[in-house]
Amino acid sequence: MNDRLAYILAVCLVSQIAMTAPQVYSAPSVVTLLQQEEPAYAKWGKLAVEKVKERYPDYKVVDYLHIGREEGEEDNQATEKFKLWLRDDGECEFGVFINITFDLKTEEVIEITYEKTDR
């Protein structure tokens, strides 16, 4: 009798599972995840890359580092600091420290400074 009871329970369990509608999970796209997780400094990083490419058109940006944000002496200013590494088609490569100072309220760029480095 125990074998028969186990068989009936197994059939009921399988039937119950088969009757339940499958749960479909729709994962967000990679683009959606990237848009949601974009850091606050991303806008300024894009500008830094753009400006360095304008200044050094024969070089490719091969590395990018966000150093950090520094609050300005005035309450409404901040500076985003980056280091970009550039390389040409040959052997020449160097780094550029780029600082973008902007108004926190309007996001208007106040000043961009560049400092070339070999490290």
N, C-alpha and C. Protein backbone atom coordinates (compact mmCIF):
# COMPACT_ATOMS: atom_id res chain seq x y z
N MET A 1 0.82 -1.19 0.00
CA MET A 1 0.00 0.00 0.00
C MET A 1 0.86 1.26 0.00
N ASN A 2 2.01 1.24 0.65
CA ASN A 2 2.88 2.40 0.70
C ASN A 2 3.40 2.78 -0.67
N ASP A 3 3.71 1.78 -1.51
CA ASP A 3 4.20 2.07 -2.86
C ASP A 3 3.11 2.76 -3.68
N ARG A 4 1.86 2.27 -3.49
CA ARG A 4 0.75 2.85 -4.24
C ARG A 4 0.49 4.29 -3.78
N LEU A 5 0.57 4.55 -2.49
CA LEU A 5 0.37 5.90 -1.95
C LEU A 5 1.47 6.83 -2.45
N ALA A 6 2.69 6.36 -2.47
CA ALA A 6 3.82 7.17 -2.97
C ALA A 6 3.61 7.49 -4.44
N TYR A 7 3.13 6.50 -5.21
CA TYR A 7 2.86 6.71 -6.63
C TYR A 7 1.79 7.78 -6.83
N ILE A 8 0.71 7.72 -6.07
CA ILE A 8 -0.38 8.69 -6.19
C ILE A 8 0.10 10.09 -5.82
N LEU A 9 0.86 10.18 -4.75
CA LEU A 9 1.40 11.48 -4.34
C LEU A 9 2.33 12.05 -5.41
N ALA A 10 3.15 11.20 -6.01
CA ALA A 10 4.07 11.65 -7.05
C ALA A 10 3.29 12.15 -8.26
N VAL A 11 2.23 11.42 -8.67
CA VAL A 11 1.41 11.83 -9.81
C VAL A 11 0.74 13.17 -9.51
N CYS A 12 0.22 13.34 -8.31
CA CYS A 12 -0.44 14.60 -7.93
C CYS A 12 0.56 15.76 -7.95
N LEU A 13 1.74 15.50 -7.45
CA LEU A 13 2.76 16.54 -7.41
C LEU A 13 3.18 16.95 -8.82
N VAL A 14 3.42 15.99 -9.69
CA VAL A 14 3.80 16.29 -11.07
C VAL A 14 2.68 17.02 -11.78
N SER A 15 1.45 16.62 -11.55
CA SER A 15 0.29 17.28 -12.17
C SER A 15 0.19 18.73 -11.72
N GLN A 16 0.41 18.94 -10.44
CA GLN A 16 0.33 20.29 -9.88
C GLN A 16 1.41 21.18 -10.48
N ILE A 17 2.61 20.65 -10.63
CA ILE A 17 3.71 21.43 -11.21
C ILE A 17 3.42 21.73 -12.67
N ALA A 18 2.91 20.77 -13.41
CA ALA A 18 2.63 20.95 -14.83
C ALA A 18 1.52 21.96 -15.06
N MET A 19 0.58 22.06 -14.12
CA MET A 19 -0.55 22.97 -14.27
C MET A 19 -0.18 24.41 -13.92
N THR A 20 0.87 24.58 -13.18
CA THR A 20 1.29 25.92 -12.78
C THR A 20 1.96 26.60 -13.95
N ALA A 21 1.54 27.81 -14.25
CA ALA A 21 2.13 28.57 -15.36
C ALA A 21 3.57 28.91 -15.02
N PRO A 22 4.46 28.77 -15.98
CA PRO A 22 5.86 29.10 -15.71
C PRO A 22 6.04 30.60 -15.44
N GLN A 23 6.93 30.90 -14.54
CA GLN A 23 7.26 32.28 -14.23
C GLN A 23 8.33 32.74 -15.21
N VAL A 24 8.03 33.78 -15.96
CA VAL A 24 8.98 34.29 -16.94
C VAL A 24 9.64 35.53 -16.36
N TYR A 25 10.94 35.48 -16.28
CA TYR A 25 11.71 36.62 -15.78
C TYR A 25 12.34 37.31 -16.97
N SER A 26 12.06 38.57 -17.10
CA SER A 26 12.63 39.34 -18.19
C SER A 26 13.77 40.18 -17.63
N ALA A 27 14.98 39.79 -17.94
CA ALA A 27 16.15 40.53 -17.45
C ALA A 27 16.27 41.85 -18.19
N PRO A 28 16.67 42.90 -17.48
CA PRO A 28 16.87 44.19 -18.15
C PRO A 28 18.02 44.09 -19.14
N SER A 29 17.95 44.87 -20.18
CA SER A 29 19.02 44.84 -21.18
C SER A 29 20.29 45.46 -20.61
N VAL A 30 21.39 45.18 -21.24
CA VAL A 30 22.67 45.75 -20.82
C VAL A 30 22.63 47.27 -20.90
N VAL A 31 22.00 47.80 -21.94
CA VAL A 31 21.90 49.25 -22.10
C VAL A 31 21.15 49.86 -20.92
N THR A 32 20.06 49.23 -20.52
CA THR A 32 19.28 49.73 -19.38
C THR A 32 20.12 49.73 -18.12
N LEU A 33 20.86 48.65 -17.88
CA LEU A 33 21.71 48.57 -16.69
C LEU A 33 22.78 49.65 -16.72
N LEU A 34 23.38 49.88 -17.87
CA LEU A 34 24.41 50.90 -17.97
C LEU A 34 23.85 52.29 -17.72
N GLN A 35 22.64 52.54 -18.23
CA GLN A 35 22.03 53.84 -18.02
C GLN A 35 21.70 54.05 -16.55
N GLN A 36 21.24 53.03 -15.88
CA GLN A 36 20.86 53.16 -14.48
C GLN A 36 22.06 53.32 -13.57
N GLU A 37 23.17 52.67 -13.93
CA GLU A 37 24.33 52.66 -13.05
C GLU A 37 25.41 53.66 -13.47
N GLU A 38 25.06 54.60 -14.31
CA GLU A 38 26.03 55.60 -14.75
C GLU A 38 26.39 56.50 -13.57
N PRO A 39 27.68 56.62 -13.27
CA PRO A 39 28.08 57.43 -12.12
C PRO A 39 27.84 58.92 -12.37
N ALA A 40 27.79 59.68 -11.30
CA ALA A 40 27.50 61.11 -11.38
C ALA A 40 28.56 61.87 -12.18
N TYR A 41 29.78 61.38 -12.20
CA TYR A 41 30.85 62.07 -12.91
C TYR A 41 30.92 61.70 -14.39
N ALA A 42 30.07 60.82 -14.87
CA ALA A 42 30.14 60.32 -16.25
C ALA A 42 30.07 61.44 -17.28
N LYS A 43 29.19 62.40 -17.04
CA LYS A 43 29.06 63.54 -17.97
C LYS A 43 30.40 64.26 -18.11
N TRP A 44 31.07 64.46 -17.00
CA TRP A 44 32.33 65.19 -17.00
C TRP A 44 33.45 64.34 -17.58
N GLY A 45 33.38 63.04 -17.38
CA GLY A 45 34.36 62.14 -17.97
C GLY A 45 34.29 62.14 -19.49
N LYS A 46 33.07 62.16 -20.01
CA LYS A 46 32.89 62.22 -21.46
C LYS A 46 33.46 63.53 -22.01
N LEU A 47 33.22 64.62 -21.30
CA LEU A 47 33.76 65.91 -21.71
C LEU A 47 35.29 65.90 -21.66
N ALA A 48 35.85 65.29 -20.61
CA ALA A 48 37.30 65.21 -20.48
C ALA A 48 37.91 64.47 -21.67
N VAL A 49 37.33 63.34 -22.04
CA VAL A 49 37.84 62.57 -23.18
C VAL A 49 37.72 63.39 -24.46
N GLU A 50 36.57 64.03 -24.64
CA GLU A 50 36.35 64.86 -25.84
C GLU A 50 37.39 65.97 -25.94
N LYS A 51 37.62 66.68 -24.85
CA LYS A 51 38.57 67.81 -24.86
C LYS A 51 40.01 67.35 -25.07
N VAL A 52 40.38 66.22 -24.49
CA VAL A 52 41.74 65.70 -24.68
C VAL A 52 41.92 65.25 -26.13
N LYS A 53 40.91 64.65 -26.71
CA LYS A 53 41.00 64.26 -28.13
C LYS A 53 41.14 65.48 -29.03
N GLU A 54 40.46 66.58 -28.69
CA GLU A 54 40.60 67.82 -29.46
C GLU A 54 42.03 68.37 -29.34
N ARG A 55 42.57 68.30 -28.14
CA ARG A 55 43.89 68.87 -27.87
C ARG A 55 45.02 68.01 -28.45
N TYR A 56 44.82 66.69 -28.47
CA TYR A 56 45.82 65.74 -28.98
C TYR A 56 45.17 64.84 -30.04
N PRO A 57 44.86 65.38 -31.22
CA PRO A 57 44.09 64.63 -32.22
C PRO A 57 44.82 63.41 -32.79
N ASP A 58 46.15 63.36 -32.70
CA ASP A 58 46.90 62.23 -33.26
C ASP A 58 47.06 61.07 -32.28
N TYR A 59 46.45 61.19 -31.10
CA TYR A 59 46.60 60.17 -30.07
C TYR A 59 45.25 59.55 -29.74
N LYS A 60 45.31 58.30 -29.31
CA LYS A 60 44.10 57.60 -28.87
C LYS A 60 44.11 57.52 -27.35
N VAL A 61 42.94 57.69 -26.75
CA VAL A 61 42.81 57.53 -25.31
C VAL A 61 42.73 56.03 -25.05
N VAL A 62 43.71 55.50 -24.30
CA VAL A 62 43.76 54.06 -24.06
C VAL A 62 43.44 53.69 -22.61
N ASP A 63 43.40 54.69 -21.74
CA ASP A 63 43.03 54.41 -20.35
C ASP A 63 42.41 55.67 -19.75
N TYR A 64 41.58 55.44 -18.74
CA TYR A 64 40.77 56.53 -18.16
C TYR A 64 40.65 56.27 -16.68
N LEU A 65 40.89 57.30 -15.89
CA LEU A 65 40.75 57.18 -14.44
C LEU A 65 40.05 58.41 -13.89
N HIS A 66 38.99 58.19 -13.13
CA HIS A 66 38.35 59.29 -12.41
C HIS A 66 39.05 59.38 -11.07
N ILE A 67 39.74 60.48 -10.84
CA ILE A 67 40.49 60.65 -9.59
C ILE A 67 39.55 61.03 -8.45
N GLY A 68 38.58 61.90 -8.75
CA GLY A 68 37.62 62.28 -7.73
C GLY A 68 37.09 63.69 -7.94
N ARG A 69 36.21 64.06 -7.04
CA ARG A 69 35.61 65.40 -7.07
C ARG A 69 36.14 66.19 -5.90
N GLU A 70 36.42 67.46 -6.19
CA GLU A 70 36.87 68.39 -5.16
C GLU A 70 35.89 69.55 -5.12
N GLU A 71 35.37 69.81 -3.94
CA GLU A 71 34.46 70.95 -3.80
C GLU A 71 35.28 72.23 -3.86
N GLY A 72 34.74 73.23 -4.54
CA GLY A 72 35.45 74.50 -4.71
C GLY A 72 35.42 75.34 -3.46
N GLU A 73 36.23 76.39 -3.49
CA GLU A 73 36.25 77.32 -2.36
C GLU A 73 34.91 78.04 -2.23
N GLU A 74 34.28 78.26 -3.36
CA GLU A 74 32.94 78.83 -3.34
C GLU A 74 31.95 77.68 -3.27
N ASP A 75 30.81 77.91 -2.63
CA ASP A 75 29.83 76.85 -2.41
C ASP A 75 29.24 76.27 -3.69
N ASN A 76 29.23 77.04 -4.72
CA ASN A 76 28.53 76.61 -5.93
C ASN A 76 29.47 76.03 -6.99
N GLN A 77 30.71 75.68 -6.64
CA GLN A 77 31.65 75.15 -7.62
C GLN A 77 32.20 73.79 -7.19
N ALA A 78 32.54 72.98 -8.18
CA ALA A 78 33.21 71.71 -7.92
C ALA A 78 34.16 71.45 -9.09
N THR A 79 35.15 70.61 -8.83
CA THR A 79 36.11 70.22 -9.87
C THR A 79 36.15 68.71 -9.94
N GLU A 80 35.89 68.17 -11.13
CA GLU A 80 36.06 66.74 -11.37
C GLU A 80 37.45 66.55 -11.95
N LYS A 81 38.18 65.56 -11.39
CA LYS A 81 39.58 65.34 -11.78
C LYS A 81 39.71 63.97 -12.44
N PHE A 82 40.42 63.96 -13.56
CA PHE A 82 40.62 62.73 -14.33
C PHE A 82 42.07 62.61 -14.76
N LYS A 83 42.47 61.38 -15.03
CA LYS A 83 43.76 61.12 -15.67
C LYS A 83 43.49 60.22 -16.87
N LEU A 84 43.90 60.68 -18.04
CA LEU A 84 43.75 59.91 -19.26
C LEU A 84 45.12 59.54 -19.77
N TRP A 85 45.23 58.32 -20.31
CA TRP A 85 46.50 57.86 -20.88
C TRP A 85 46.32 57.81 -22.38
N LEU A 86 47.27 58.42 -23.10
CA LEU A 86 47.18 58.52 -24.55
C LEU A 86 48.35 57.79 -25.22
N ARG A 87 48.08 57.30 -26.43
CA ARG A 87 49.11 56.60 -27.20
C ARG A 87 48.89 56.88 -28.67
N ASP A 88 50.01 57.07 -29.39
CA ASP A 88 49.89 57.22 -30.85
C ASP A 88 50.11 55.86 -31.50
N ASP A 89 50.20 55.84 -32.82
CA ASP A 89 50.37 54.57 -33.53
C ASP A 89 51.77 53.99 -33.33
N GLY A 90 52.70 54.81 -32.92
CA GLY A 90 54.07 54.35 -32.69
C GLY A 90 54.29 53.99 -31.24
N GLU A 91 55.40 54.42 -30.72
CA GLU A 91 55.80 54.09 -29.35
C GLU A 91 55.48 55.18 -28.34
N CYS A 92 55.06 56.34 -28.80
CA CYS A 92 54.88 57.48 -27.92
C CYS A 92 53.58 57.35 -27.10
N GLU A 93 53.71 57.52 -25.79
CA GLU A 93 52.53 57.54 -24.93
C GLU A 93 52.81 58.42 -23.72
N PHE A 94 51.73 58.95 -23.16
CA PHE A 94 51.85 59.85 -22.00
C PHE A 94 50.47 59.99 -21.36
N GLY A 95 50.46 60.58 -20.19
CA GLY A 95 49.22 60.83 -19.47
C GLY A 95 48.88 62.30 -19.48
N VAL A 96 47.60 62.57 -19.26
CA VAL A 96 47.14 63.95 -19.13
C VAL A 96 46.19 64.01 -17.93
N PHE A 97 46.56 64.86 -16.98
CA PHE A 97 45.63 65.16 -15.89
C PHE A 97 44.73 66.27 -16.40
N ILE A 98 43.43 66.08 -16.29
CA ILE A 98 42.48 67.10 -16.74
C ILE A 98 41.51 67.38 -15.60
N ASN A 99 41.37 68.65 -15.28
CA ASN A 99 40.45 69.09 -14.22
C ASN A 99 39.37 69.96 -14.84
N ILE A 100 38.14 69.63 -14.55
CA ILE A 100 37.00 70.39 -15.08
C ILE A 100 36.28 71.04 -13.91
N THR A 101 36.36 72.35 -13.82
CA THR A 101 35.67 73.10 -12.77
C THR A 101 34.37 73.63 -13.35
N PHE A 102 33.29 73.45 -12.58
CA PHE A 102 31.97 73.83 -13.09
C PHE A 102 31.09 74.35 -11.96
N ASP A 103 30.05 75.05 -12.36
CA ASP A 103 29.05 75.57 -11.43
C ASP A 103 28.09 74.43 -11.08
N LEU A 104 27.91 74.17 -9.81
CA LEU A 104 27.05 73.06 -9.37
C LEU A 104 25.58 73.25 -9.73
N LYS A 105 25.12 74.48 -9.75
CA LYS A 105 23.70 74.74 -10.03
C LYS A 105 23.40 74.68 -11.52
N THR A 106 24.22 75.35 -12.31
CA THR A 106 23.94 75.45 -13.76
C THR A 106 24.70 74.41 -14.57
N GLU A 107 25.70 73.77 -13.98
CA GLU A 107 26.59 72.83 -14.64
C GLU A 107 27.37 73.48 -15.79
N GLU A 108 27.51 74.79 -15.73
CA GLU A 108 28.30 75.52 -16.72
C GLU A 108 29.78 75.34 -16.39
N VAL A 109 30.57 75.02 -17.43
CA VAL A 109 32.01 74.84 -17.24
C VAL A 109 32.65 76.20 -16.99
N ILE A 110 33.43 76.27 -15.93
CA ILE A 110 34.12 77.50 -15.56
C ILE A 110 35.56 77.48 -16.08
N GLU A 111 36.22 76.32 -15.93
CA GLU A 111 37.62 76.23 -16.34
C GLU A 111 37.99 74.76 -16.58
N ILE A 112 38.84 74.56 -17.58
CA ILE A 112 39.42 73.23 -17.84
C ILE A 112 40.94 73.39 -17.86
N THR A 113 41.63 72.60 -17.05
CA THR A 113 43.09 72.66 -17.03
C THR A 113 43.64 71.29 -17.44
N TYR A 114 44.82 71.34 -18.08
CA TYR A 114 45.50 70.15 -18.56
C TYR A 114 46.93 70.13 -18.01
N GLU A 115 47.40 68.94 -17.64
CA GLU A 115 48.79 68.81 -17.24
C GLU A 115 49.30 67.47 -17.77
N LYS A 116 50.28 67.58 -18.67
CA LYS A 116 50.86 66.40 -19.29
C LYS A 116 51.82 65.73 -18.30
N THR A 117 51.85 64.40 -18.30
CA THR A 117 52.74 63.65 -17.41
C THR A 117 53.26 62.41 -18.11
N ASP A 118 54.45 61.94 -17.67
CA ASP A 118 54.98 60.71 -18.25
C ASP A 118 54.66 59.50 -17.38
N ARG A 119 53.92 59.72 -16.32
CA ARG A 119 53.53 58.63 -15.41
C ARG A 119 52.05 58.50 -15.29
